[in-house]
Each structure stands twice: as C-alpha cells, then as structure tokens.
C-alpha cells in the first residue's frame, strides 16, 4: 500500500500477474496497461510525459504518442470505477497518479 498524506491507500502492483490490487479488489491489466501504471507509480505523483511513457512501455516499436492516451483511457476505465479519480492529465507535462482522497 502506498502512503499518501498519512493515510494508506490500497494500491499494490502484482507484477507476476500483471494486475493491481486496489483497496483489496484485484483488477487484471494487460501487459502494456500494467507497464503504464508501473511508470506512474514509480514517479510517486510527479508528472510523466507521454514521450517518457512511450519510451518506457513501447520502446522503439511505436512512435505515435496517441497510443499512450488510449492506454491511459483503458487504465482509467478499469481503476476509476468507484468514481475516485486517480490518473490526472497535467497540461503540458503529461500524466500523474495521485491517490489522495479528493472528494
């Protein structure tokens, strides 16, 4: 679990299974979705640019950074089902994972 503002938020990456445990609920991810999420988690709330995500997840095989937008949309659909926003688009910077209770 990640510590955010003194409160533990249940987000645990299950690398072997390419899944995430979110507040005790297991959510299966594709390999690319998992890789995108892992990048955001490693940044610890700092913005990660599309180019950084593209390089980390797709390497040399993909050059169109719109694919990043598509995969982050998939991730949001899977992870934000309870109405708790977690993946934020930071204008001009990229994307950030923020886990604090915001509503």
C-alpha atoms as a PDB file:
ATOM      1  CA  UNK A   1       0.000   0.000   0.000  1.00  0.00           C
ATOM      2  CA  UNK A   2       1.194   3.485  -0.775  1.00  0.00           C
ATOM      3  CA  UNK A   3       1.221   6.079   1.962  1.00  0.00           C
ATOM      4  CA  UNK A   4      -0.443   9.327   0.945  1.00  0.00           C
ATOM      5  CA  UNK A   5      -0.984  12.113   3.419  1.00  0.00           C
ATOM      6  CA  UNK A   6      -0.616   9.806   6.391  1.00  0.00           C
ATOM      7  CA  UNK A   7      -3.367   7.530   5.135  1.00  0.00           C
ATOM      8  CA  UNK A   8      -2.728   4.230   3.444  1.00  0.00           C
ATOM      9  CA  UNK A   9      -4.297   3.837   0.024  1.00  0.00           C
ATOM     10  CA  UNK A  10      -4.634   0.253  -1.104  1.00  0.00           C
ATOM     11  CA  UNK A  11      -2.753   0.158  -4.374  1.00  0.00           C
ATOM     12  CA  UNK A  12      -0.469  -2.801  -4.848  1.00  0.00           C
ATOM     13  CA  UNK A  13       1.154  -3.812  -8.125  1.00  0.00           C
ATOM     14  CA  UNK A  14       1.123  -7.568  -8.731  1.00  0.00           C
ATOM     15  CA  UNK A  15       3.917  -7.841 -11.247  1.00  0.00           C
ATOM     16  CA  UNK A  16       3.838 -11.596 -11.760  1.00  0.00           C
ATOM     17  CA  UNK A  17       0.110 -11.461 -12.518  1.00  0.00           C
ATOM     18  CA  UNK A  18       0.159  -8.132 -14.393  1.00  0.00           C
ATOM     19  CA  UNK A  19      -2.623  -6.953 -12.116  1.00  0.00           C
ATOM     20  CA  UNK A  20      -3.240  -4.346  -9.463  1.00  0.00           C
ATOM     21  CA  UNK A  21      -4.872  -4.702  -6.063  1.00  0.00           C
ATOM     22  CA  UNK A  22      -6.948  -1.600  -5.477  1.00  0.00           C
ATOM     23  CA  UNK A  23      -8.446  -1.327  -1.998  1.00  0.00           C
ATOM     24  CA  UNK A  24      -8.464  -5.124  -1.860  1.00  0.00           C
ATOM     25  CA  UNK A  25     -10.016  -5.625  -5.298  1.00  0.00           C
ATOM     26  CA  UNK A  26      -7.896  -7.387  -7.912  1.00  0.00           C
ATOM     27  CA  UNK A  27      -8.004  -5.728 -11.323  1.00  0.00           C
ATOM     28  CA  UNK A  28      -6.467  -7.608 -14.241  1.00  0.00           C
ATOM     29  CA  UNK A  29      -4.459  -5.464 -16.642  1.00  0.00           C
ATOM     30  CA  UNK A  30      -2.839  -6.101 -19.994  1.00  0.00           C
ATOM     31  CA  UNK A  31       0.942  -6.083 -20.072  1.00  0.00           C
ATOM     32  CA  UNK A  32       1.007  -2.576 -21.560  1.00  0.00           C
ATOM     33  CA  UNK A  33      -1.578  -1.217 -19.120  1.00  0.00           C
ATOM     34  CA  UNK A  34       0.472  -2.657 -16.271  1.00  0.00           C
ATOM     35  CA  UNK A  35       3.678  -1.100 -17.647  1.00  0.00           C
ATOM     36  CA  UNK A  36       1.992   2.317 -17.937  1.00  0.00           C
ATOM     37  CA  UNK A  37       0.709   2.083 -14.370  1.00  0.00           C
ATOM     38  CA  UNK A  38       4.112   0.951 -13.060  1.00  0.00           C
ATOM     39  CA  UNK A  39       5.705   4.042 -14.672  1.00  0.00           C
ATOM     40  CA  UNK A  40       3.188   6.332 -12.990  1.00  0.00           C
ATOM     41  CA  UNK A  41       3.636   4.615  -9.618  1.00  0.00           C
ATOM     42  CA  UNK A  42       7.440   4.923  -9.818  1.00  0.00           C
ATOM     43  CA  UNK A  43       7.108   8.674 -10.435  1.00  0.00           C
ATOM     44  CA  UNK A  44       5.461   8.989  -6.974  1.00  0.00           C
ATOM     45  CA  UNK A  45       2.906  11.598  -8.047  1.00  0.00           C
ATOM     46  CA  UNK A  46       5.210  13.572 -10.338  1.00  0.00           C
ATOM     47  CA  UNK A  47       4.017  14.033 -13.929  1.00  0.00           C
ATOM     48  CA  UNK A  48       5.280  11.555 -16.522  1.00  0.00           C
ATOM     49  CA  UNK A  49       5.300  12.823 -20.109  1.00  0.00           C
ATOM     50  CA  UNK A  50       3.741  10.934 -22.997  1.00  0.00           C
ATOM     51  CA  UNK A  51       7.212  10.626 -24.544  1.00  0.00           C
ATOM     52  CA  UNK A  52       8.568   9.077 -21.323  1.00  0.00           C
ATOM     53  CA  UNK A  53       5.670   6.614 -21.174  1.00  0.00           C
ATOM     54  CA  UNK A  54       6.063   5.814 -24.871  1.00  0.00           C
ATOM     55  CA  UNK A  55       9.778   5.096 -24.441  1.00  0.00           C
ATOM     56  CA  UNK A  56       9.312   3.055 -21.257  1.00  0.00           C
ATOM     57  CA  UNK A  57       6.362   0.965 -22.425  1.00  0.00           C
ATOM     58  CA  UNK A  58       6.662   0.708 -26.199  1.00  0.00           C
ATOM     59  CA  UNK A  59      10.369   1.409 -26.711  1.00  0.00           C
ATOM     60  CA  UNK A  60      11.317   1.767 -30.366  1.00  0.00           C
ATOM     61  CA  UNK A  61       8.342  -0.063 -31.825  1.00  0.00           C
ATOM     62  CA  UNK A  62       5.803   2.759 -31.568  1.00  0.00           C
ATOM     63  CA  UNK A  63       6.285   6.399 -32.492  1.00  0.00           C
ATOM     64  CA  UNK A  64       2.765   7.813 -32.247  1.00  0.00           C
ATOM     65  CA  UNK A  65       2.294   9.090 -28.709  1.00  0.00           C
ATOM     66  CA  UNK A  66      -1.504   8.999 -29.089  1.00  0.00           C
ATOM     67  CA  UNK A  67      -1.288   5.316 -28.191  1.00  0.00           C
ATOM     68  CA  UNK A  68      -0.357   6.468 -24.659  1.00  0.00           C
ATOM     69  CA  UNK A  69      -3.646   8.392 -24.411  1.00  0.00           C
ATOM     70  CA  UNK A  70      -5.561   5.290 -25.465  1.00  0.00           C
ATOM     71  CA  UNK A  71      -3.895   3.050 -22.870  1.00  0.00           C
ATOM     72  CA  UNK A  72      -4.333   5.576 -20.072  1.00  0.00           C
ATOM     73  CA  UNK A  73      -8.014   5.721 -21.007  1.00  0.00           C
ATOM     74  CA  UNK A  74      -8.182   1.913 -20.612  1.00  0.00           C
ATOM     75  CA  UNK A  75      -6.431   2.165 -17.243  1.00  0.00           C
ATOM     76  CA  UNK A  76      -8.804   4.877 -16.042  1.00  0.00           C
ATOM     77  CA  UNK A  77     -11.832   2.808 -17.051  1.00  0.00           C
ATOM     78  CA  UNK A  78     -10.572  -0.158 -15.057  1.00  0.00           C
ATOM     79  CA  UNK A  79      -9.268   1.683 -11.999  1.00  0.00           C
ATOM     80  CA  UNK A  80     -11.649   4.594 -11.557  1.00  0.00           C
ATOM     81  CA  UNK A  81     -14.890   2.601 -11.496  1.00  0.00           C
ATOM     82  CA  UNK A  82     -15.738   3.726  -7.981  1.00  0.00           C
ATOM     83  CA  UNK A  83     -15.665   7.342  -9.064  1.00  0.00           C
ATOM     84  CA  UNK A  84     -12.332   8.051  -7.406  1.00  0.00           C
ATOM     85  CA  UNK A  85     -10.103   9.916  -9.857  1.00  0.00           C
ATOM     86  CA  UNK A  86      -6.530   8.675  -9.804  1.00  0.00           C
ATOM     87  CA  UNK A  87      -4.889   9.363 -13.140  1.00  0.00           C
ATOM     88  CA  UNK A  88      -4.648  13.054 -13.882  1.00  0.00           C
ATOM     89  CA  UNK A  89      -3.680  14.740 -17.132  1.00  0.00           C
ATOM     90  CA  UNK A  90      -1.296  17.576 -16.287  1.00  0.00           C
ATOM     91  CA  UNK A  91      -1.497  20.111 -19.097  1.00  0.00           C
ATOM     92  CA  UNK A  92       1.816  20.495 -20.879  1.00  0.00           C
ATOM     93  CA  UNK A  93       3.516  17.918 -18.646  1.00  0.00           C
ATOM     94  CA  UNK A  94       1.921  14.517 -19.056  1.00  0.00           C
ATOM     95  CA  UNK A  95       0.101  12.298 -16.590  1.00  0.00           C
ATOM     96  CA  UNK A  96       0.311  11.760 -12.858  1.00  0.00           C
ATOM     97  CA  UNK A  97      -1.035   9.151 -10.463  1.00  0.00           C
ATOM     98  CA  UNK A  98      -2.466  10.787  -7.356  1.00  0.00           C
ATOM     99  CA  UNK A  99      -4.018   8.615  -4.680  1.00  0.00           C
ATOM    100  CA  UNK A 100      -5.101  11.045  -2.012  1.00  0.00           C
ATOM    101  CA  UNK A 101      -8.788  11.177  -1.201  1.00  0.00           C
ATOM    102  CA  UNK A 102     -10.005  14.103  -3.219  1.00  0.00           C
ATOM    103  CA  UNK A 103     -13.791  14.106  -2.949  1.00  0.00           C
END
